[in-house]
C-alpha atoms as a PDB file:
ATOM      1  CA  MET A   1      39.605   0.809  -5.387  1.00  0.00           C
ATOM      2  CA  PHE A   2      40.884   4.696  -5.989  1.00  0.00           C
ATOM      3  CA  SER A   3      38.033   6.845  -6.613  1.00  0.00           C
ATOM      4  CA  GLN A   4      38.934  10.435  -7.975  1.00  0.00           C
ATOM      5  CA  SER A   5      37.391  13.146  -6.690  1.00  0.00           C
ATOM      6  CA  LYS A   6      34.952  15.537  -8.564  1.00  0.00           C
ATOM      7  CA  THR A   7      33.009  18.724  -8.150  1.00  0.00           C
ATOM      8  CA  VAL A   8      29.544  18.027  -7.879  1.00  0.00           C
ATOM      9  CA  SER A   9      26.494  20.458  -9.053  1.00  0.00           C
ATOM     10  CA  GLY A  10      22.682  20.425  -9.214  1.00  0.00           C
ATOM     11  CA  SER A  11      19.275  22.039  -8.214  1.00  0.00           C
ATOM     12  CA  VAL A  12      16.795  21.517  -5.763  1.00  0.00           C
ATOM     13  CA  LYS A  13      12.935  22.118  -6.264  1.00  0.00           C
ATOM     14  CA  ASP A  14       9.575  21.415  -4.180  1.00  0.00           C
ATOM     15  CA  ALA A  15       6.726  19.055  -5.540  1.00  0.00           C
ATOM     16  CA  THR A  16       5.611  22.468  -7.535  1.00  0.00           C
ATOM     17  CA  GLY A  17       9.111  23.016  -9.164  1.00  0.00           C
ATOM     18  CA  GLU A  18       9.496  25.984  -7.432  1.00  0.00           C
ATOM     19  CA  LEU A  19      13.617  26.005  -6.523  1.00  0.00           C
ATOM     20  CA  LEU A  20      14.318  26.190  -3.040  1.00  0.00           C
ATOM     21  CA  PRO A  21      17.059  28.459  -1.454  1.00  0.00           C
ATOM     22  CA  GLY A  22      18.773  27.430   1.492  1.00  0.00           C
ATOM     23  CA  VAL A  23      18.460  23.692   1.445  1.00  0.00           C
ATOM     24  CA  SER A  24      21.474  22.207   3.465  1.00  0.00           C
ATOM     25  CA  VAL A  25      23.589  19.577   1.348  1.00  0.00           C
ATOM     26  CA  ILE A  26      25.670  17.535   3.710  1.00  0.00           C
ATOM     27  CA  VAL A  27      28.297  14.913   2.533  1.00  0.00           C
ATOM     28  CA  LYS A  28      26.883  12.010   4.824  1.00  0.00           C
ATOM     29  CA  GLY A  29      28.804  11.096   7.544  1.00  0.00           C
ATOM     30  CA  THR A  30      31.223  14.263   7.261  1.00  0.00           C
ATOM     31  CA  GLN A  31      30.908  17.715   8.101  1.00  0.00           C
ATOM     32  CA  LYS A  32      31.378  18.896   4.709  1.00  0.00           C
ATOM     33  CA  GLY A  33      28.493  20.311   2.922  1.00  0.00           C
ATOM     34  CA  VAL A  34      26.861  23.409   1.185  1.00  0.00           C
ATOM     35  CA  GLN A  35      23.555  25.587   0.973  1.00  0.00           C
ATOM     36  CA  THR A  36      21.424  26.260  -1.772  1.00  0.00           C
ATOM     37  CA  ASP A  37      21.833  30.064  -3.494  1.00  0.00           C
ATOM     38  CA  PHE A  38      18.785  32.435  -4.125  1.00  0.00           C
ATOM     39  CA  ASP A  39      18.102  30.476  -7.483  1.00  0.00           C
ATOM     40  CA  GLY A  40      17.926  26.826  -5.452  1.00  0.00           C
ATOM     41  CA  LEU A  41      21.288  25.770  -7.153  1.00  0.00           C
ATOM     42  CA  PHE A  42      24.365  24.026  -5.440  1.00  0.00           C
ATOM     43  CA  MET A  43      28.101  22.950  -6.163  1.00  0.00           C
ATOM     44  CA  ILE A  44      30.049  21.358  -3.868  1.00  0.00           C
ATOM     45  CA  ASP A  45      33.956  20.202  -4.403  1.00  0.00           C
ATOM     46  CA  ASN A  46      35.956  17.181  -3.927  1.00  0.00           C
ATOM     47  CA  VAL A  47      33.164  14.665  -3.438  1.00  0.00           C
ATOM     48  CA  GLN A  48      33.752  10.571  -4.074  1.00  0.00           C
ATOM     49  CA  SER A  49      31.435   8.210  -6.302  1.00  0.00           C
ATOM     50  CA  THR A  50      31.267   6.248  -3.113  1.00  0.00           C
ATOM     51  CA  ASP A  51      29.862   9.429  -0.837  1.00  0.00           C
ATOM     52  CA  GLU A  52      26.283  10.293  -0.516  1.00  0.00           C
ATOM     53  CA  LEU A  53      24.714  13.659  -0.366  1.00  0.00           C
ATOM     54  CA  VAL A  54      22.012  14.304   2.291  1.00  0.00           C
ATOM     55  CA  PHE A  55      19.358  17.434   1.596  1.00  0.00           C
ATOM     56  CA  ALA A  56      17.621  19.007   4.232  1.00  0.00           C
ATOM     57  CA  TYR A  57      14.748  21.918   4.495  1.00  0.00           C
ATOM     58  CA  ILE A  58      12.415  22.662   7.571  1.00  0.00           C
ATOM     59  CA  GLY A  59       9.170  21.460   6.595  1.00  0.00           C
ATOM     60  CA  MET A  60      10.493  18.951   3.948  1.00  0.00           C
ATOM     61  CA  THR A  61      11.092  15.199   4.057  1.00  0.00           C
ATOM     62  CA  GLY A  62      14.978  14.825   3.768  1.00  0.00           C
ATOM     63  CA  LYS A  63      16.711  13.205   1.078  1.00  0.00           C
ATOM     64  CA  THR A  64      19.838  11.125   0.422  1.00  0.00           C
ATOM     65  CA  VAL A  65      21.486  10.753  -3.004  1.00  0.00           C
ATOM     66  CA  LEU A  66      24.617   8.596  -4.153  1.00  0.00           C
ATOM     67  CA  VAL A  67      26.491   9.938  -6.297  1.00  0.00           C
ATOM     68  CA  GLY A  68      27.739   7.632  -8.414  1.00  0.00           C
ATOM     69  CA  ALA A  69      29.108   8.584 -11.253  1.00  0.00           C
ATOM     70  CA  ASN A  70      27.192  11.962 -11.413  1.00  0.00           C
ATOM     71  CA  THR A  71      28.357  15.051 -11.499  1.00  0.00           C
ATOM     72  CA  ARG A  72      24.765  16.923 -11.576  1.00  0.00           C
ATOM     73  CA  ILE A  73      22.200  16.047  -9.628  1.00  0.00           C
ATOM     74  CA  ASP A  74      18.755  17.403  -9.473  1.00  0.00           C
ATOM     75  CA  VAL A  75      16.536  16.824  -6.374  1.00  0.00           C
ATOM     76  CA  VAL A  76      12.713  17.298  -6.018  1.00  0.00           C
ATOM     77  CA  LEU A  77      12.120  17.701  -1.851  1.00  0.00           C
ATOM     78  CA  ILE A  78       8.277  16.932  -0.647  1.00  0.00           C
ATOM     79  CA  GLU A  79       6.285  18.561   1.693  1.00  0.00           C
ATOM     80  CA  SER A  80       6.566  16.676   5.518  1.00  0.00           C
ATOM     81  CA  LEU A  81       3.565  17.176   7.300  1.00  0.00           C
ATOM     82  CA  GLU A  82       4.987  16.049  10.651  1.00  0.00           C
ATOM     83  CA  SER A  83       7.783  18.565  10.342  1.00  0.00           C
ATOM     84  CA  LEU A  84       5.179  21.166   9.768  1.00  0.00           C
ATOM     85  CA  ASP A  85       3.614  20.278  12.980  1.00  0.00           C
ATOM     86  CA  GLU A  86       6.866  21.228  15.094  1.00  0.00           C
ATOM     87  CA  ILE A  87       7.058  24.807  13.319  1.00  0.00           C
ATOM     88  CA  VAL A  88       5.678  28.029  15.132  1.00  0.00           C
ATOM     89  CA  ILE A  89       5.901  31.671  13.853  1.00  0.00           C
ATOM     90  CA  VAL A  90       8.261  33.732  15.527  1.00  0.00           C
ATOM     91  CA  GLY A  91       8.176  37.531  14.699  1.00  0.00           C
ATOM     92  CA  TYR A  92       8.531  37.504  10.500  1.00  0.00           C
ATOM     93  CA  GLY A  93      10.245  34.061  10.276  1.00  0.00           C
ATOM     94  CA  GLN A  94       9.720  30.496  11.525  1.00  0.00           C
ATOM     95  CA  GLN A  95      11.857  28.417  13.984  1.00  0.00           C
ATOM     96  CA  SER A  96      11.481  25.142  15.292  1.00  0.00           C
ATOM     97  CA  ARG A  97       8.701  24.529  18.380  1.00  0.00           C
ATOM     98  CA  THR A  98      12.007  23.156  20.556  1.00  0.00           C
ATOM     99  CA  THR A  99      14.166  26.593  20.500  1.00  0.00           C
ATOM    100  CA  VAL A 100      11.253  28.374  21.115  1.00  0.00           C
ATOM    101  CA  THR A 101      10.998  29.613  25.123  1.00  0.00           C
ATOM    102  CA  GLY A 102       8.251  32.376  24.501  1.00  0.00           C
ATOM    103  CA  ALA A 103       4.734  31.987  25.442  1.00  0.00           C
ATOM    104  CA  ILE A 104       2.799  31.404  22.496  1.00  0.00           C
ATOM    105  CA  ALA A 105      -0.803  30.404  21.935  1.00  0.00           C
ATOM    106  CA  THR A 106      -2.148  29.134  18.682  1.00  0.00           C
ATOM    107  CA  VAL A 107      -5.824  29.125  17.137  1.00  0.00           C
ATOM    108  CA  LYS A 108      -6.617  27.394  14.492  1.00  0.00           C
ATOM    109  CA  SER A 109      -9.020  27.798  11.775  1.00  0.00           C
ATOM    110  CA  GLU A 110     -11.451  24.622  12.747  1.00  0.00           C
ATOM    111  CA  ASP A 111     -11.438  26.784  16.120  1.00  0.00           C
ATOM    112  CA  ILE A 112     -11.949  30.103  14.751  1.00  0.00           C
ATOM    113  CA  SER A 113     -14.850  29.075  11.933  1.00  0.00           C
ATOM    114  CA  ALA A 114     -17.113  27.033  14.868  1.00  0.00           C
ATOM    115  CA  LEU A 115     -18.201  30.322  15.679  1.00  0.00           C
ATOM    116  CA  PRO A 116     -21.004  32.660  13.953  1.00  0.00           C
ATOM    117  CA  VAL A 117     -19.311  35.650  14.314  1.00  0.00           C
ATOM    118  CA  THR A 118     -18.574  38.479  11.655  1.00  0.00           C
ATOM    119  CA  ASN A 119     -14.936  39.348  12.779  1.00  0.00           C
ATOM    120  CA  ALA A 120     -11.750  37.645  13.584  1.00  0.00           C
ATOM    121  CA  GLU A 121     -11.340  39.333  17.266  1.00  0.00           C
ATOM    122  CA  SER A 122     -14.709  37.771  18.354  1.00  0.00           C
ATOM    123  CA  ALA A 123     -13.640  34.325  17.325  1.00  0.00           C
ATOM    124  CA  LEU A 124     -10.591  34.355  19.404  1.00  0.00           C
ATOM    125  CA  GLN A 125     -12.470  35.152  22.689  1.00  0.00           C
ATOM    126  CA  GLY A 126     -12.014  32.138  25.044  1.00  0.00           C
ATOM    127  CA  ARG A 127      -9.485  30.379  22.584  1.00  0.00           C
ATOM    128  CA  ALA A 128      -5.998  31.462  23.914  1.00  0.00           C
ATOM    129  CA  ALA A 129      -4.877  32.001  27.823  1.00  0.00           C
ATOM    130  CA  GLY A 130      -4.185  35.650  28.304  1.00  0.00           C
ATOM    131  CA  LEU A 131      -6.250  37.001  25.962  1.00  0.00           C
ATOM    132  CA  THR A 132      -9.445  39.288  27.102  1.00  0.00           C
ATOM    133  CA  ILE A 133     -11.880  40.200  24.263  1.00  0.00           C
ATOM    134  CA  THR A 134     -14.554  42.931  25.723  1.00  0.00           C
ATOM    135  CA  ASN A 135     -17.640  44.091  22.950  1.00  0.00           C
ATOM    136  CA  SER A 136     -18.685  47.394  23.414  1.00  0.00           C
ATOM    137  CA  GLY A 137     -22.300  46.026  22.101  1.00  0.00           C
ATOM    138  CA  SER A 138     -22.827  48.728  19.056  1.00  0.00           C
ATOM    139  CA  PRO A 139     -23.206  47.042  16.186  1.00  0.00           C
ATOM    140  CA  GLY A 140     -20.853  47.336  13.326  1.00  0.00           C
ATOM    141  CA  SER A 141     -18.042  48.110  16.092  1.00  0.00           C
ATOM    142  CA  SER A 142     -14.490  46.109  16.600  1.00  0.00           C
ATOM    143  CA  PRO A 143     -13.896  44.557  20.259  1.00  0.00           C
ATOM    144  CA  SER A 144     -11.478  45.551  22.591  1.00  0.00           C
ATOM    145  CA  VAL A 145      -8.338  43.167  22.963  1.00  0.00           C
ATOM    146  CA  LEU A 146      -6.015  43.111  25.565  1.00  0.00           C
ATOM    147  CA  ILE A 147      -3.103  40.649  26.064  1.00  0.00           C
ATOM    148  CA  ARG A 148      -1.862  40.393  29.696  1.00  0.00           C
ATOM    149  CA  GLY A 149      -4.558  43.191  30.726  1.00  0.00           C
ATOM    150  CA  LEU A 150      -3.527  46.791  30.639  1.00  0.00           C
ATOM    151  CA  GLY A 151       0.358  47.754  29.803  1.00  0.00           C
ATOM    152  CA  SER A 152      -0.358  51.510  29.794  1.00  0.00           C
ATOM    153  CA  VAL A 153      -2.186  54.321  30.440  1.00  0.00           C
ATOM    154  CA  GLY A 154      -2.622  54.888  26.749  1.00  0.00           C
ATOM    155  CA  ASN A 155      -3.143  52.503  23.998  1.00  0.00           C
ATOM    156  CA  ASN A 156      -3.334  48.842  24.908  1.00  0.00           C
ATOM    157  CA  SER A 157      -4.331  47.420  21.773  1.00  0.00           C
ATOM    158  CA  PRO A 158      -1.471  44.752  20.504  1.00  0.00           C
ATOM    159  CA  LEU A 159       0.122  44.719  17.211  1.00  0.00           C
ATOM    160  CA  TYR A 160      -1.185  42.864  14.128  1.00  0.00           C
ATOM    161  CA  VAL A 161       0.437  40.912  11.539  1.00  0.00           C
ATOM    162  CA  ILE A 162      -1.109  39.583   8.883  1.00  0.00           C
ATOM    163  CA  ASP A 163       1.386  37.450   6.602  1.00  0.00           C
ATOM    164  CA  GLY A 164       4.059  39.387   7.478  1.00  0.00           C
ATOM    165  CA  VAL A 165       2.199  42.792   7.089  1.00  0.00           C
ATOM    166  CA  ILE A 166       1.765  45.038   9.836  1.00  0.00           C
ATOM    167  CA  VAL A 167      -2.342  46.062   9.929  1.00  0.00           C
ATOM    168  CA  GLY A 168      -4.194  48.144  12.259  1.00  0.00           C
ATOM    169  CA  ASN A 169      -6.945  45.635  13.568  1.00  0.00           C
ATOM    170  CA  LEU A 170      -8.714  42.284  11.766  1.00  0.00           C
ATOM    171  CA  SER A 171     -11.688  43.925  10.674  1.00  0.00           C
ATOM    172  CA  GLY A 172     -10.355  43.824   7.340  1.00  0.00           C
ATOM    173  CA  ILE A 173     -10.302  39.928   7.118  1.00  0.00           C
ATOM    174  CA  SER A 174     -12.597  37.365   7.288  1.00  0.00           C
ATOM    175  CA  PRO A 175     -12.702  34.511  10.053  1.00  0.00           C
ATOM    176  CA  ASN A 176     -13.002  32.044   7.029  1.00  0.00           C
ATOM    177  CA  ASP A 177      -9.702  33.017   5.685  1.00  0.00           C
ATOM    178  CA  ILE A 178      -7.455  32.040   8.224  1.00  0.00           C
ATOM    179  CA  GLU A 179      -5.572  29.346   8.644  1.00  0.00           C
ATOM    180  CA  THR A 180      -3.932  30.342  12.287  1.00  0.00           C
ATOM    181  CA  VAL A 181      -3.861  32.692  14.765  1.00  0.00           C
ATOM    182  CA  SER A 182      -0.813  33.104  16.876  1.00  0.00           C
ATOM    183  CA  VAL A 183      -1.015  35.264  20.239  1.00  0.00           C
ATOM    184  CA  LEU A 184       2.615  36.298  20.960  1.00  0.00           C
ATOM    185  CA  LYS A 185       2.587  37.504  24.813  1.00  0.00           C
ATOM    186  CA  ASP A 186       5.751  37.954  26.370  1.00  0.00           C
ATOM    187  CA  ALA A 187       9.349  39.916  26.120  1.00  0.00           C
ATOM    188  CA  SER A 188      11.100  37.698  24.219  1.00  0.00           C
ATOM    189  CA  THR A 189       8.592  36.671  21.417  1.00  0.00           C
ATOM    190  CA  THR A 190       7.658  40.200  20.745  1.00  0.00           C
ATOM    191  CA  ALA A 191      11.214  41.169  20.756  1.00  0.00           C
ATOM    192  CA  VAL A 192      11.594  41.561  17.334  1.00  0.00           C
ATOM    193  CA  TYR A 193       8.980  44.133  16.919  1.00  0.00           C
ATOM    194  CA  GLY A 194      10.472  46.416  19.194  1.00  0.00           C
ATOM    195  CA  ALA A 195       8.465  49.027  21.256  1.00  0.00           C
ATOM    196  CA  GLN A 196       5.108  48.713  19.078  1.00  0.00           C
ATOM    197  CA  GLY A 197       4.830  45.137  20.059  1.00  0.00           C
ATOM    198  CA  SER A 198       5.023  45.968  24.041  1.00  0.00           C
ATOM    199  CA  ASN A 199       1.043  45.033  23.903  1.00  0.00           C
ATOM    200  CA  GLY A 200       1.584  42.320  22.405  1.00  0.00           C
ATOM    201  CA  VAL A 201       1.442  40.768  18.862  1.00  0.00           C
ATOM    202  CA  VAL A 202      -1.007  38.718  17.348  1.00  0.00           C
ATOM    203  CA  VAL A 203       0.185  36.986  13.899  1.00  0.00           C
ATOM    204  CA  VAL A 204      -2.514  35.905  11.431  1.00  0.00           C
ATOM    205  CA  THR A 205      -1.476  33.438   8.432  1.00  0.00           C
ATOM    206  CA  THR A 206      -4.171  33.278   6.370  1.00  0.00           C
ATOM    207  CA  LYS A 207      -5.377  30.189   3.993  1.00  0.00           C
ATOM    208  CA  GLN A 208      -3.595  29.452   0.749  1.00  0.00           C
ATOM    209  CA  GLY A 209      -4.222  27.236  -2.228  1.00  0.00           C
ATOM    210  CA  LYS A 210      -3.258  23.874  -2.636  1.00  0.00           C
ATOM    211  CA  ASN A 211      -2.988  21.184  -5.209  1.00  0.00           C
ATOM    212  CA  GLY A 212      -5.729  18.977  -6.233  1.00  0.00           C
ATOM    213  CA  LYS A 213      -9.140  19.475  -7.135  1.00  0.00           C
ATOM    214  CA  GLY A 214     -10.682  22.790  -6.965  1.00  0.00           C
ATOM    215  CA  ARG A 215     -13.670  23.379  -4.083  1.00  0.00           C
ATOM    216  CA  LEU A 216     -16.314  25.694  -3.860  1.00  0.00           C
ATOM    217  CA  SER A 217     -17.695  26.572   0.011  1.00  0.00           C
ATOM    218  CA  PHE A 218     -20.215  29.046   1.005  1.00  0.00           C
ATOM    219  CA  ASN A 219     -21.069  30.675   4.349  1.00  0.00           C
ATOM    220  CA  THR A 220     -23.423  33.056   5.525  1.00  0.00           C
ATOM    221  CA  TYR A 221     -24.572  34.550   8.868  1.00  0.00           C
ATOM    222  CA  THR A 222     -27.270  37.011   9.396  1.00  0.00           C
ATOM    223  CA  GLU A 223     -27.398  39.083  12.742  1.00  0.00           C
ATOM    224  CA  PHE A 224     -29.747  41.848  14.388  1.00  0.00           C
ATOM    225  CA  SER A 225     -29.383  43.835  16.754  1.00  0.00           C
ATOM    226  CA  ASN A 226     -32.054  45.833  18.857  1.00  0.00           C
ATOM    227  CA  SER A 227     -31.735  48.750  21.643  1.00  0.00           C
ATOM    228  CA  ASN A 228     -33.601  47.719  24.935  1.00  0.00           C
ATOM    229  CA  THR A 229     -33.698  51.313  25.960  1.00  0.00           C
ATOM    230  CA  LYS A 230     -34.916  54.220  23.797  1.00  0.00           C
ATOM    231  CA  ILE A 231     -34.351  57.388  24.219  1.00  0.00           C
END
């Protein structure tokens, strides 16, 4: 049966209704395809009614839709937890774990919140290989953090990045607000930051709001410090 080619357009959204840019829209079994634009819209020409469109996006479950008599197809992609497990932070973006060859150590929120500490740096102590944390002993002071030991005769502190924003240290963030901490330890992983990442990079991703019922949690911690030697 003869099938006339046509143009198919549409949009791609996530479960919250937000439009997704950069979604791959491929005619199944071919190399013909497009990507959604900044507004999550796409248009693909010369499509047959018998063709199937494959929608794929990192972190989302893919979907295949038969064109049929449709000239407009609107698709909703659902978040895939299995896919998210294979994503690691690289610089300011994300890459598949299989494409990353650099040395990255990741500490999850469960490990951080398990320790009764008042700052995020102390919570990382002993949690990542190649990360050395030394407490000065002074009440309220931030610990010294070294990645791969001493790197220069000057400042050896690593670069801190919280949700893509470069900061001086982690003293301004509560350990309970952290989702994951990725420690970038070698040249290939820190290259995107240039010279400022020469001492290693600590990338922090904070917790974000999620769908479902609201939940209130409360954490408290009290610490006392005394001087053993009085002058």
